């Protein structure tokens, strides 16, 4: 119910990042 977890040793900053909300 949700999604399985990635191995925490493979987690990177990009897993917590999103770019694309600039005003348009």
PDBML (XML) file of the C-alpha atoms, coordinates in Angstrom:
<?xml version="1.0" encoding="UTF-8" ?>
<PDBx:datablock datablockName="MODEL"
   xmlns:PDBx="http://pdbml.pdb.org/schema/pdbx-v50.xsd"
   xmlns:xsi="http://www.w3.org/2001/XMLSchema-instance"
   xsi:schemaLocation="http://pdbml.pdb.org/schema/pdbx-v50.xsd pdbx-v50.xsd">
   <PDBx:atom_siteCategory>
      <PDBx:atom_site id="1">
         <PDBx:B_iso_or_equiv>0.00</PDBx:B_iso_or_equiv>
         <PDBx:Cartn_x>0.000</PDBx:Cartn_x>
         <PDBx:Cartn_y>0.000</PDBx:Cartn_y>
         <PDBx:Cartn_z>0.000</PDBx:Cartn_z>
         <PDBx:auth_asym_id>A</PDBx:auth_asym_id>
         <PDBx:auth_atom_id>CA</PDBx:auth_atom_id>
         <PDBx:auth_comp_id>UNK</PDBx:auth_comp_id>
         <PDBx:auth_seq_id>1</PDBx:auth_seq_id>
         <PDBx:group_PDB>ATOM</PDBx:group_PDB>
         <PDBx:label_alt_id xsi:nil="true" />
         <PDBx:label_asym_id>A</PDBx:label_asym_id>
         <PDBx:label_atom_id>CA</PDBx:label_atom_id>
         <PDBx:label_comp_id>UNK</PDBx:label_comp_id>
         <PDBx:label_entity_id>1</PDBx:label_entity_id>
         <PDBx:label_seq_id>1</PDBx:label_seq_id>
         <PDBx:occupancy>1.00</PDBx:occupancy>
         <PDBx:pdbx_PDB_model_num>1</PDBx:pdbx_PDB_model_num>
         <PDBx:type_symbol>C</PDBx:type_symbol>
      </PDBx:atom_site>
      <PDBx:atom_site id="2">
         <PDBx:B_iso_or_equiv>0.00</PDBx:B_iso_or_equiv>
         <PDBx:Cartn_x>2.333</PDBx:Cartn_x>
         <PDBx:Cartn_y>2.654</PDBx:Cartn_y>
         <PDBx:Cartn_z>-1.345</PDBx:Cartn_z>
         <PDBx:auth_asym_id>A</PDBx:auth_asym_id>
         <PDBx:auth_atom_id>CA</PDBx:auth_atom_id>
         <PDBx:auth_comp_id>UNK</PDBx:auth_comp_id>
         <PDBx:auth_seq_id>2</PDBx:auth_seq_id>
         <PDBx:group_PDB>ATOM</PDBx:group_PDB>
         <PDBx:label_alt_id xsi:nil="true" />
         <PDBx:label_asym_id>A</PDBx:label_asym_id>
         <PDBx:label_atom_id>CA</PDBx:label_atom_id>
         <PDBx:label_comp_id>UNK</PDBx:label_comp_id>
         <PDBx:label_entity_id>1</PDBx:label_entity_id>
         <PDBx:label_seq_id>2</PDBx:label_seq_id>
         <PDBx:occupancy>1.00</PDBx:occupancy>
         <PDBx:pdbx_PDB_model_num>1</PDBx:pdbx_PDB_model_num>
         <PDBx:type_symbol>C</PDBx:type_symbol>
      </PDBx:atom_site>
      <PDBx:atom_site id="3">
         <PDBx:B_iso_or_equiv>0.00</PDBx:B_iso_or_equiv>
         <PDBx:Cartn_x>5.738</PDBx:Cartn_x>
         <PDBx:Cartn_y>1.888</PDBx:Cartn_y>
         <PDBx:Cartn_z>-2.786</PDBx:Cartn_z>
         <PDBx:auth_asym_id>A</PDBx:auth_asym_id>
         <PDBx:auth_atom_id>CA</PDBx:auth_atom_id>
         <PDBx:auth_comp_id>UNK</PDBx:auth_comp_id>
         <PDBx:auth_seq_id>3</PDBx:auth_seq_id>
         <PDBx:group_PDB>ATOM</PDBx:group_PDB>
         <PDBx:label_alt_id xsi:nil="true" />
         <PDBx:label_asym_id>A</PDBx:label_asym_id>
         <PDBx:label_atom_id>CA</PDBx:label_atom_id>
         <PDBx:label_comp_id>UNK</PDBx:label_comp_id>
         <PDBx:label_entity_id>1</PDBx:label_entity_id>
         <PDBx:label_seq_id>3</PDBx:label_seq_id>
         <PDBx:occupancy>1.00</PDBx:occupancy>
         <PDBx:pdbx_PDB_model_num>1</PDBx:pdbx_PDB_model_num>
         <PDBx:type_symbol>C</PDBx:type_symbol>
      </PDBx:atom_site>
      <PDBx:atom_site id="4">
         <PDBx:B_iso_or_equiv>0.00</PDBx:B_iso_or_equiv>
         <PDBx:Cartn_x>8.587</PDBx:Cartn_x>
         <PDBx:Cartn_y>-0.332</PDBx:Cartn_y>
         <PDBx:Cartn_z>-1.629</PDBx:Cartn_z>
         <PDBx:auth_asym_id>A</PDBx:auth_asym_id>
         <PDBx:auth_atom_id>CA</PDBx:auth_atom_id>
         <PDBx:auth_comp_id>UNK</PDBx:auth_comp_id>
         <PDBx:auth_seq_id>4</PDBx:auth_seq_id>
         <PDBx:group_PDB>ATOM</PDBx:group_PDB>
         <PDBx:label_alt_id xsi:nil="true" />
         <PDBx:label_asym_id>A</PDBx:label_asym_id>
         <PDBx:label_atom_id>CA</PDBx:label_atom_id>
         <PDBx:label_comp_id>UNK</PDBx:label_comp_id>
         <PDBx:label_entity_id>1</PDBx:label_entity_id>
         <PDBx:label_seq_id>4</PDBx:label_seq_id>
         <PDBx:occupancy>1.00</PDBx:occupancy>
         <PDBx:pdbx_PDB_model_num>1</PDBx:pdbx_PDB_model_num>
         <PDBx:type_symbol>C</PDBx:type_symbol>
      </PDBx:atom_site>
      <PDBx:atom_site id="5">
         <PDBx:B_iso_or_equiv>0.00</PDBx:B_iso_or_equiv>
         <PDBx:Cartn_x>11.656</PDBx:Cartn_x>
         <PDBx:Cartn_y>1.294</PDBx:Cartn_y>
         <PDBx:Cartn_z>-0.086</PDBx:Cartn_z>
         <PDBx:auth_asym_id>A</PDBx:auth_asym_id>
         <PDBx:auth_atom_id>CA</PDBx:auth_atom_id>
         <PDBx:auth_comp_id>UNK</PDBx:auth_comp_id>
         <PDBx:auth_seq_id>5</PDBx:auth_seq_id>
         <PDBx:group_PDB>ATOM</PDBx:group_PDB>
         <PDBx:label_alt_id xsi:nil="true" />
         <PDBx:label_asym_id>A</PDBx:label_asym_id>
         <PDBx:label_atom_id>CA</PDBx:label_atom_id>
         <PDBx:label_comp_id>UNK</PDBx:label_comp_id>
         <PDBx:label_entity_id>1</PDBx:label_entity_id>
         <PDBx:label_seq_id>5</PDBx:label_seq_id>
         <PDBx:occupancy>1.00</PDBx:occupancy>
         <PDBx:pdbx_PDB_model_num>1</PDBx:pdbx_PDB_model_num>
         <PDBx:type_symbol>C</PDBx:type_symbol>
      </PDBx:atom_site>
      <PDBx:atom_site id="6">
         <PDBx:B_iso_or_equiv>0.00</PDBx:B_iso_or_equiv>
         <PDBx:Cartn_x>14.926</PDBx:Cartn_x>
         <PDBx:Cartn_y>1.793</PDBx:Cartn_y>
         <PDBx:Cartn_z>-1.901</PDBx:Cartn_z>
         <PDBx:auth_asym_id>A</PDBx:auth_asym_id>
         <PDBx:auth_atom_id>CA</PDBx:auth_atom_id>
         <PDBx:auth_comp_id>UNK</PDBx:auth_comp_id>
         <PDBx:auth_seq_id>6</PDBx:auth_seq_id>
         <PDBx:group_PDB>ATOM</PDBx:group_PDB>
         <PDBx:label_alt_id xsi:nil="true" />
         <PDBx:label_asym_id>A</PDBx:label_asym_id>
         <PDBx:label_atom_id>CA</PDBx:label_atom_id>
         <PDBx:label_comp_id>UNK</PDBx:label_comp_id>
         <PDBx:label_entity_id>1</PDBx:label_entity_id>
         <PDBx:label_seq_id>6</PDBx:label_seq_id>
         <PDBx:occupancy>1.00</PDBx:occupancy>
         <PDBx:pdbx_PDB_model_num>1</PDBx:pdbx_PDB_model_num>
         <PDBx:type_symbol>C</PDBx:type_symbol>
      </PDBx:atom_site>
      <PDBx:atom_site id="7">
         <PDBx:B_iso_or_equiv>0.00</PDBx:B_iso_or_equiv>
         <PDBx:Cartn_x>18.045</PDBx:Cartn_x>
         <PDBx:Cartn_y>0.557</PDBx:Cartn_y>
         <PDBx:Cartn_z>-0.157</PDBx:Cartn_z>
         <PDBx:auth_asym_id>A</PDBx:auth_asym_id>
         <PDBx:auth_atom_id>CA</PDBx:auth_atom_id>
         <PDBx:auth_comp_id>UNK</PDBx:auth_comp_id>
         <PDBx:auth_seq_id>7</PDBx:auth_seq_id>
         <PDBx:group_PDB>ATOM</PDBx:group_PDB>
         <PDBx:label_alt_id xsi:nil="true" />
         <PDBx:label_asym_id>A</PDBx:label_asym_id>
         <PDBx:label_atom_id>CA</PDBx:label_atom_id>
         <PDBx:label_comp_id>UNK</PDBx:label_comp_id>
         <PDBx:label_entity_id>1</PDBx:label_entity_id>
         <PDBx:label_seq_id>7</PDBx:label_seq_id>
         <PDBx:occupancy>1.00</PDBx:occupancy>
         <PDBx:pdbx_PDB_model_num>1</PDBx:pdbx_PDB_model_num>
         <PDBx:type_symbol>C</PDBx:type_symbol>
      </PDBx:atom_site>
      <PDBx:atom_site id="8">
         <PDBx:B_iso_or_equiv>0.00</PDBx:B_iso_or_equiv>
         <PDBx:Cartn_x>18.915</PDBx:Cartn_x>
         <PDBx:Cartn_y>3.542</PDBx:Cartn_y>
         <PDBx:Cartn_z>2.096</PDBx:Cartn_z>
         <PDBx:auth_asym_id>A</PDBx:auth_asym_id>
         <PDBx:auth_atom_id>CA</PDBx:auth_atom_id>
         <PDBx:auth_comp_id>UNK</PDBx:auth_comp_id>
         <PDBx:auth_seq_id>8</PDBx:auth_seq_id>
         <PDBx:group_PDB>ATOM</PDBx:group_PDB>
         <PDBx:label_alt_id xsi:nil="true" />
         <PDBx:label_asym_id>A</PDBx:label_asym_id>
         <PDBx:label_atom_id>CA</PDBx:label_atom_id>
         <PDBx:label_comp_id>UNK</PDBx:label_comp_id>
         <PDBx:label_entity_id>1</PDBx:label_entity_id>
         <PDBx:label_seq_id>8</PDBx:label_seq_id>
         <PDBx:occupancy>1.00</PDBx:occupancy>
         <PDBx:pdbx_PDB_model_num>1</PDBx:pdbx_PDB_model_num>
         <PDBx:type_symbol>C</PDBx:type_symbol>
      </PDBx:atom_site>
      <PDBx:atom_site id="9">
         <PDBx:B_iso_or_equiv>0.00</PDBx:B_iso_or_equiv>
         <PDBx:Cartn_x>22.577</PDBx:Cartn_x>
         <PDBx:Cartn_y>3.208</PDBx:Cartn_y>
         <PDBx:Cartn_z>1.144</PDBx:Cartn_z>
         <PDBx:auth_asym_id>A</PDBx:auth_asym_id>
         <PDBx:auth_atom_id>CA</PDBx:auth_atom_id>
         <PDBx:auth_comp_id>UNK</PDBx:auth_comp_id>
         <PDBx:auth_seq_id>9</PDBx:auth_seq_id>
         <PDBx:group_PDB>ATOM</PDBx:group_PDB>
         <PDBx:label_alt_id xsi:nil="true" />
         <PDBx:label_asym_id>A</PDBx:label_asym_id>
         <PDBx:label_atom_id>CA</PDBx:label_atom_id>
         <PDBx:label_comp_id>UNK</PDBx:label_comp_id>
         <PDBx:label_entity_id>1</PDBx:label_entity_id>
         <PDBx:label_seq_id>9</PDBx:label_seq_id>
         <PDBx:occupancy>1.00</PDBx:occupancy>
         <PDBx:pdbx_PDB_model_num>1</PDBx:pdbx_PDB_model_num>
         <PDBx:type_symbol>C</PDBx:type_symbol>
      </PDBx:atom_site>
      <PDBx:atom_site id="10">
         <PDBx:B_iso_or_equiv>0.00</PDBx:B_iso_or_equiv>
         <PDBx:Cartn_x>21.620</PDBx:Cartn_x>
         <PDBx:Cartn_y>3.990</PDBx:Cartn_y>
         <PDBx:Cartn_z>-2.466</PDBx:Cartn_z>
         <PDBx:auth_asym_id>A</PDBx:auth_asym_id>
         <PDBx:auth_atom_id>CA</PDBx:auth_atom_id>
         <PDBx:auth_comp_id>UNK</PDBx:auth_comp_id>
         <PDBx:auth_seq_id>10</PDBx:auth_seq_id>
         <PDBx:group_PDB>ATOM</PDBx:group_PDB>
         <PDBx:label_alt_id xsi:nil="true" />
         <PDBx:label_asym_id>A</PDBx:label_asym_id>
         <PDBx:label_atom_id>CA</PDBx:label_atom_id>
         <PDBx:label_comp_id>UNK</PDBx:label_comp_id>
         <PDBx:label_entity_id>1</PDBx:label_entity_id>
         <PDBx:label_seq_id>10</PDBx:label_seq_id>
         <PDBx:occupancy>1.00</PDBx:occupancy>
         <PDBx:pdbx_PDB_model_num>1</PDBx:pdbx_PDB_model_num>
         <PDBx:type_symbol>C</PDBx:type_symbol>
      </PDBx:atom_site>
      <PDBx:atom_site id="11">
         <PDBx:B_iso_or_equiv>0.00</PDBx:B_iso_or_equiv>
         <PDBx:Cartn_x>19.603</PDBx:Cartn_x>
         <PDBx:Cartn_y>7.110</PDBx:Cartn_y>
         <PDBx:Cartn_z>-1.604</PDBx:Cartn_z>
         <PDBx:auth_asym_id>A</PDBx:auth_asym_id>
         <PDBx:auth_atom_id>CA</PDBx:auth_atom_id>
         <PDBx:auth_comp_id>UNK</PDBx:auth_comp_id>
         <PDBx:auth_seq_id>11</PDBx:auth_seq_id>
         <PDBx:group_PDB>ATOM</PDBx:group_PDB>
         <PDBx:label_alt_id xsi:nil="true" />
         <PDBx:label_asym_id>A</PDBx:label_asym_id>
         <PDBx:label_atom_id>CA</PDBx:label_atom_id>
         <PDBx:label_comp_id>UNK</PDBx:label_comp_id>
         <PDBx:label_entity_id>1</PDBx:label_entity_id>
         <PDBx:label_seq_id>11</PDBx:label_seq_id>
         <PDBx:occupancy>1.00</PDBx:occupancy>
         <PDBx:pdbx_PDB_model_num>1</PDBx:pdbx_PDB_model_num>
         <PDBx:type_symbol>C</PDBx:type_symbol>
      </PDBx:atom_site>
      <PDBx:atom_site id="12">
         <PDBx:B_iso_or_equiv>0.00</PDBx:B_iso_or_equiv>
         <PDBx:Cartn_x>20.845</PDBx:Cartn_x>
         <PDBx:Cartn_y>10.398</PDBx:Cartn_y>
         <PDBx:Cartn_z>-3.057</PDBx:Cartn_z>
         <PDBx:auth_asym_id>A</PDBx:auth_asym_id>
         <PDBx:auth_atom_id>CA</PDBx:auth_atom_id>
         <PDBx:auth_comp_id>UNK</PDBx:auth_comp_id>
         <PDBx:auth_seq_id>12</PDBx:auth_seq_id>
         <PDBx:group_PDB>ATOM</PDBx:group_PDB>
         <PDBx:label_alt_id xsi:nil="true" />
         <PDBx:label_asym_id>A</PDBx:label_asym_id>
         <PDBx:label_atom_id>CA</PDBx:label_atom_id>
         <PDBx:label_comp_id>UNK</PDBx:label_comp_id>
         <PDBx:label_entity_id>1</PDBx:label_entity_id>
         <PDBx:label_seq_id>12</PDBx:label_seq_id>
         <PDBx:occupancy>1.00</PDBx:occupancy>
         <PDBx:pdbx_PDB_model_num>1</PDBx:pdbx_PDB_model_num>
         <PDBx:type_symbol>C</PDBx:type_symbol>
      </PDBx:atom_site>
      <PDBx:atom_site id="13">
         <PDBx:B_iso_or_equiv>0.00</PDBx:B_iso_or_equiv>
         <PDBx:Cartn_x>19.874</PDBx:Cartn_x>
         <PDBx:Cartn_y>14.067</PDBx:Cartn_y>
         <PDBx:Cartn_z>-2.672</PDBx:Cartn_z>
         <PDBx:auth_asym_id>A</PDBx:auth_asym_id>
         <PDBx:auth_atom_id>CA</PDBx:auth_atom_id>
         <PDBx:auth_comp_id>UNK</PDBx:auth_comp_id>
         <PDBx:auth_seq_id>13</PDBx:auth_seq_id>
         <PDBx:group_PDB>ATOM</PDBx:group_PDB>
         <PDBx:label_alt_id xsi:nil="true" />
         <PDBx:label_asym_id>A</PDBx:label_asym_id>
         <PDBx:label_atom_id>CA</PDBx:label_atom_id>
         <PDBx:label_comp_id>UNK</PDBx:label_comp_id>
         <PDBx:label_entity_id>1</PDBx:label_entity_id>
         <PDBx:label_seq_id>13</PDBx:label_seq_id>
         <PDBx:occupancy>1.00</PDBx:occupancy>
         <PDBx:pdbx_PDB_model_num>1</PDBx:pdbx_PDB_model_num>
         <PDBx:type_symbol>C</PDBx:type_symbol>
      </PDBx:atom_site>
      <PDBx:atom_site id="14">
         <PDBx:B_iso_or_equiv>0.00</PDBx:B_iso_or_equiv>
         <PDBx:Cartn_x>18.012</PDBx:Cartn_x>
         <PDBx:Cartn_y>13.906</PDBx:Cartn_y>
         <PDBx:Cartn_z>-6.001</PDBx:Cartn_z>
         <PDBx:auth_asym_id>A</PDBx:auth_asym_id>
         <PDBx:auth_atom_id>CA</PDBx:auth_atom_id>
         <PDBx:auth_comp_id>UNK</PDBx:auth_comp_id>
         <PDBx:auth_seq_id>14</PDBx:auth_seq_id>
         <PDBx:group_PDB>ATOM</PDBx:group_PDB>
         <PDBx:label_alt_id xsi:nil="true" />
         <PDBx:label_asym_id>A</PDBx:label_asym_id>
         <PDBx:label_atom_id>CA</PDBx:label_atom_id>
         <PDBx:label_comp_id>UNK</PDBx:label_comp_id>
         <PDBx:label_entity_id>1</PDBx:label_entity_id>
         <PDBx:label_seq_id>14</PDBx:label_seq_id>
         <PDBx:occupancy>1.00</PDBx:occupancy>
         <PDBx:pdbx_PDB_model_num>1</PDBx:pdbx_PDB_model_num>
         <PDBx:type_symbol>C</PDBx:type_symbol>
      </PDBx:atom_site>
      <PDBx:atom_site id="15">
         <PDBx:B_iso_or_equiv>0.00</PDBx:B_iso_or_equiv>
         <PDBx:Cartn_x>15.516</PDBx:Cartn_x>
         <PDBx:Cartn_y>11.496</PDBx:Cartn_y>
         <PDBx:Cartn_z>-4.372</PDBx:Cartn_z>
         <PDBx:auth_asym_id>A</PDBx:auth_asym_id>
         <PDBx:auth_atom_id>CA</PDBx:auth_atom_id>
         <PDBx:auth_comp_id>UNK</PDBx:auth_comp_id>
         <PDBx:auth_seq_id>15</PDBx:auth_seq_id>
         <PDBx:group_PDB>ATOM</PDBx:group_PDB>
         <PDBx:label_alt_id xsi:nil="true" />
         <PDBx:label_asym_id>A</PDBx:label_asym_id>
         <PDBx:label_atom_id>CA</PDBx:label_atom_id>
         <PDBx:label_comp_id>UNK</PDBx:label_comp_id>
         <PDBx:label_entity_id>1</PDBx:label_entity_id>
         <PDBx:label_seq_id>15</PDBx:label_seq_id>
         <PDBx:occupancy>1.00</PDBx:occupancy>
         <PDBx:pdbx_PDB_model_num>1</PDBx:pdbx_PDB_model_num>
         <PDBx:type_symbol>C</PDBx:type_symbol>
      </PDBx:atom_site>
      <PDBx:atom_site id="16">
         <PDBx:B_iso_or_equiv>0.00</PDBx:B_iso_or_equiv>
         <PDBx:Cartn_x>14.282</PDBx:Cartn_x>
         <PDBx:Cartn_y>14.454</PDBx:Cartn_y>
         <PDBx:Cartn_z>-2.286</PDBx:Cartn_z>
         <PDBx:auth_asym_id>A</PDBx:auth_asym_id>
         <PDBx:auth_atom_id>CA</PDBx:auth_atom_id>
         <PDBx:auth_comp_id>UNK</PDBx:auth_comp_id>
         <PDBx:auth_seq_id>16</PDBx:auth_seq_id>
         <PDBx:group_PDB>ATOM</PDBx:group_PDB>
         <PDBx:label_alt_id xsi:nil="true" />
         <PDBx:label_asym_id>A</PDBx:label_asym_id>
         <PDBx:label_atom_id>CA</PDBx:label_atom_id>
         <PDBx:label_comp_id>UNK</PDBx:label_comp_id>
         <PDBx:label_entity_id>1</PDBx:label_entity_id>
         <PDBx:label_seq_id>16</PDBx:label_seq_id>
         <PDBx:occupancy>1.00</PDBx:occupancy>
         <PDBx:pdbx_PDB_model_num>1</PDBx:pdbx_PDB_model_num>
         <PDBx:type_symbol>C</PDBx:type_symbol>
      </PDBx:atom_site>
      <PDBx:atom_site id="17">
         <PDBx:B_iso_or_equiv>0.00</PDBx:B_iso_or_equiv>
         <PDBx:Cartn_x>14.489</PDBx:Cartn_x>
         <PDBx:Cartn_y>17.112</PDBx:Cartn_y>
         <PDBx:Cartn_z>-5.005</PDBx:Cartn_z>
         <PDBx:auth_asym_id>A</PDBx:auth_asym_id>
         <PDBx:auth_atom_id>CA</PDBx:auth_atom_id>
         <PDBx:auth_comp_id>UNK</PDBx:auth_comp_id>
         <PDBx:auth_seq_id>17</PDBx:auth_seq_id>
         <PDBx:group_PDB>ATOM</PDBx:group_PDB>
         <PDBx:label_alt_id xsi:nil="true" />
         <PDBx:label_asym_id>A</PDBx:label_asym_id>
         <PDBx:label_atom_id>CA</PDBx:label_atom_id>
         <PDBx:label_comp_id>UNK</PDBx:label_comp_id>
         <PDBx:label_entity_id>1</PDBx:label_entity_id>
         <PDBx:label_seq_id>17</PDBx:label_seq_id>
         <PDBx:occupancy>1.00</PDBx:occupancy>
         <PDBx:pdbx_PDB_model_num>1</PDBx:pdbx_PDB_model_num>
         <PDBx:type_symbol>C</PDBx:type_symbol>
      </PDBx:atom_site>
      <PDBx:atom_site id="18">
         <PDBx:B_iso_or_equiv>0.00</PDBx:B_iso_or_equiv>
         <PDBx:Cartn_x>12.271</PDBx:Cartn_x>
         <PDBx:Cartn_y>18.505</PDBx:Cartn_y>
         <PDBx:Cartn_z>-7.778</PDBx:Cartn_z>
         <PDBx:auth_asym_id>A</PDBx:auth_asym_id>
         <PDBx:auth_atom_id>CA</PDBx:auth_atom_id>
         <PDBx:auth_comp_id>UNK</PDBx:auth_comp_id>
         <PDBx:auth_seq_id>18</PDBx:auth_seq_id>
         <PDBx:group_PDB>ATOM</PDBx:group_PDB>
         <PDBx:label_alt_id xsi:nil="true" />
         <PDBx:label_asym_id>A</PDBx:label_asym_id>
         <PDBx:label_atom_id>CA</PDBx:label_atom_id>
         <PDBx:label_comp_id>UNK</PDBx:label_comp_id>
         <PDBx:label_entity_id>1</PDBx:label_entity_id>
         <PDBx:label_seq_id>18</PDBx:label_seq_id>
         <PDBx:occupancy>1.00</PDBx:occupancy>
         <PDBx:pdbx_PDB_model_num>1</PDBx:pdbx_PDB_model_num>
         <PDBx:type_symbol>C</PDBx:type_symbol>
      </PDBx:atom_site>
      <PDBx:atom_site id="19">
         <PDBx:B_iso_or_equiv>0.00</PDBx:B_iso_or_equiv>
         <PDBx:Cartn_x>12.828</PDBx:Cartn_x>
         <PDBx:Cartn_y>21.452</PDBx:Cartn_y>
         <PDBx:Cartn_z>-10.105</PDBx:Cartn_z>
         <PDBx:auth_asym_id>A</PDBx:auth_asym_id>
         <PDBx:auth_atom_id>CA</PDBx:auth_atom_id>
         <PDBx:auth_comp_id>UNK</PDBx:auth_comp_id>
         <PDBx:auth_seq_id>19</PDBx:auth_seq_id>
         <PDBx:group_PDB>ATOM</PDBx:group_PDB>
         <PDBx:label_alt_id xsi:nil="true" />
         <PDBx:label_asym_id>A</PDBx:label_asym_id>
         <PDBx:label_atom_id>CA</PDBx:label_atom_id>
         <PDBx:label_comp_id>UNK</PDBx:label_comp_id>
         <PDBx:label_entity_id>1</PDBx:label_entity_id>
         <PDBx:label_seq_id>19</PDBx:label_seq_id>
         <PDBx:occupancy>1.00</PDBx:occupancy>
         <PDBx:pdbx_PDB_model_num>1</PDBx:pdbx_PDB_model_num>
         <PDBx:type_symbol>C</PDBx:type_symbol>
      </PDBx:atom_site>
      <PDBx:atom_site id="20">
         <PDBx:B_iso_or_equiv>0.00</PDBx:B_iso_or_equiv>
         <PDBx:Cartn_x>10.119</PDBx:Cartn_x>
         <PDBx:Cartn_y>22.929</PDBx:Cartn_y>
         <PDBx:Cartn_z>-12.287</PDBx:Cartn_z>
         <PDBx:auth_asym_id>A</PDBx:auth_asym_id>
         <PDBx:auth_atom_id>CA</PDBx:auth_atom_id>
         <PDBx:auth_comp_id>UNK</PDBx:auth_comp_id>
         <PDBx:auth_seq_id>20</PDBx:auth_seq_id>
         <PDBx:group_PDB>ATOM</PDBx:group_PDB>
         <PDBx:label_alt_id xsi:nil="true" />
         <PDBx:label_asym_id>A</PDBx:label_asym_id>
         <PDBx:label_atom_id>CA</PDBx:label_atom_id>
         <PDBx:label_comp_id>UNK</PDBx:label_comp_id>
         <PDBx:label_entity_id>1</PDBx:label_entity_id>
         <PDBx:label_seq_id>20</PDBx:label_seq_id>
         <PDBx:occupancy>1.00</PDBx:occupancy>
         <PDBx:pdbx_PDB_model_num>1</PDBx:pdbx_PDB_model_num>
         <PDBx:type_symbol>C</PDBx:type_symbol>
      </PDBx:atom_site>
      <PDBx:atom_site id="21">
         <PDBx:B_iso_or_equiv>0.00</PDBx:B_iso_or_equiv>
         <PDBx:Cartn_x>7.867</PDBx:Cartn_x>
         <PDBx:Cartn_y>25.234</PDBx:Cartn_y>
         <PDBx:Cartn_z>-10.284</PDBx:Cartn_z>
         <PDBx:auth_asym_id>A</PDBx:auth_asym_id>
         <PDBx:auth_atom_id>CA</PDBx:auth_atom_id>
         <PDBx:auth_comp_id>UNK</PDBx:auth_comp_id>
         <PDBx:auth_seq_id>21</PDBx:auth_seq_id>
         <PDBx:group_PDB>ATOM</PDBx:group_PDB>
         <PDBx:label_alt_id xsi:nil="true" />
         <PDBx:label_asym_id>A</PDBx:label_asym_id>
         <PDBx:label_atom_id>CA</PDBx:label_atom_id>
         <PDBx:label_comp_id>UNK</PDBx:label_comp_id>
         <PDBx:label_entity_id>1</PDBx:label_entity_id>
         <PDBx:label_seq_id>21</PDBx:label_seq_id>
         <PDBx:occupancy>1.00</PDBx:occupancy>
         <PDBx:pdbx_PDB_model_num>1</PDBx:pdbx_PDB_model_num>
         <PDBx:type_symbol>C</PDBx:type_symbol>
      </PDBx:atom_site>
      <PDBx:atom_site id="22">
         <PDBx:B_iso_or_equiv>0.00</PDBx:B_iso_or_equiv>
         <PDBx:Cartn_x>9.196</PDBx:Cartn_x>
         <PDBx:Cartn_y>28.491</PDBx:Cartn_y>
         <PDBx:Cartn_z>-11.693</PDBx:Cartn_z>
         <PDBx:auth_asym_id>A</PDBx:auth_asym_id>
         <PDBx:auth_atom_id>CA</PDBx:auth_atom_id>
         <PDBx:auth_comp_id>UNK</PDBx:auth_comp_id>
         <PDBx:auth_seq_id>22</PDBx:auth_seq_id>
         <PDBx:group_PDB>ATOM</PDBx:group_PDB>
         <PDBx:label_alt_id xsi:nil="true" />
         <PDBx:label_asym_id>A</PDBx:label_asym_id>
         <PDBx:label_atom_id>CA</PDBx:label_atom_id>
         <PDBx:label_comp_id>UNK</PDBx:label_comp_id>
         <PDBx:label_entity_id>1</PDBx:label_entity_id>
         <PDBx:label_seq_id>22</PDBx:label_seq_id>
         <PDBx:occupancy>1.00</PDBx:occupancy>
         <PDBx:pdbx_PDB_model_num>1</PDBx:pdbx_PDB_model_num>
         <PDBx:type_symbol>C</PDBx:type_symbol>
      </PDBx:atom_site>
      <PDBx:atom_site id="23">
         <PDBx:B_iso_or_equiv>0.00</PDBx:B_iso_or_equiv>
         <PDBx:Cartn_x>6.543</PDBx:Cartn_x>
         <PDBx:Cartn_y>31.020</PDBx:Cartn_y>
         <PDBx:Cartn_z>-12.670</PDBx:Cartn_z>
         <PDBx:auth_asym_id>A</PDBx:auth_asym_id>
         <PDBx:auth_atom_id>CA</PDBx:auth_atom_id>
         <PDBx:auth_comp_id>UNK</PDBx:auth_comp_id>
         <PDBx:auth_seq_id>23</PDBx:auth_seq_id>
         <PDBx:group_PDB>ATOM</PDBx:group_PDB>
         <PDBx:label_alt_id xsi:nil="true" />
         <PDBx:label_asym_id>A</PDBx:label_asym_id>
         <PDBx:label_atom_id>CA</PDBx:label_atom_id>
         <PDBx:label_comp_id>UNK</PDBx:label_comp_id>
         <PDBx:label_entity_id>1</PDBx:label_entity_id>
         <PDBx:label_seq_id>23</PDBx:label_seq_id>
         <PDBx:occupancy>1.00</PDBx:occupancy>
         <PDBx:pdbx_PDB_model_num>1</PDBx:pdbx_PDB_model_num>
         <PDBx:type_symbol>C</PDBx:type_symbol>
      </PDBx:atom_site>
      <PDBx:atom_site id="24">
         <PDBx:B_iso_or_equiv>0.00</PDBx:B_iso_or_equiv>
         <PDBx:Cartn_x>5.187</PDBx:Cartn_x>
         <PDBx:Cartn_y>30.575</PDBx:Cartn_y>
         <PDBx:Cartn_z>-16.183</PDBx:Cartn_z>
         <PDBx:auth_asym_id>A</PDBx:auth_asym_id>
         <PDBx:auth_atom_id>CA</PDBx:auth_atom_id>
         <PDBx:auth_comp_id>UNK</PDBx:auth_comp_id>
         <PDBx:auth_seq_id>24</PDBx:auth_seq_id>
         <PDBx:group_PDB>ATOM</PDBx:group_PDB>
         <PDBx:label_alt_id xsi:nil="true" />
         <PDBx:label_asym_id>A</PDBx:label_asym_id>
         <PDBx:label_atom_id>CA</PDBx:label_atom_id>
         <PDBx:label_comp_id>UNK</PDBx:label_comp_id>
         <PDBx:label_entity_id>1</PDBx:label_entity_id>
         <PDBx:label_seq_id>24</PDBx:label_seq_id>
         <PDBx:occupancy>1.00</PDBx:occupancy>
         <PDBx:pdbx_PDB_model_num>1</PDBx:pdbx_PDB_model_num>
         <PDBx:type_symbol>C</PDBx:type_symbol>
      </PDBx:atom_site>
   </PDBx:atom_siteCategory>
</PDBx:datablock>
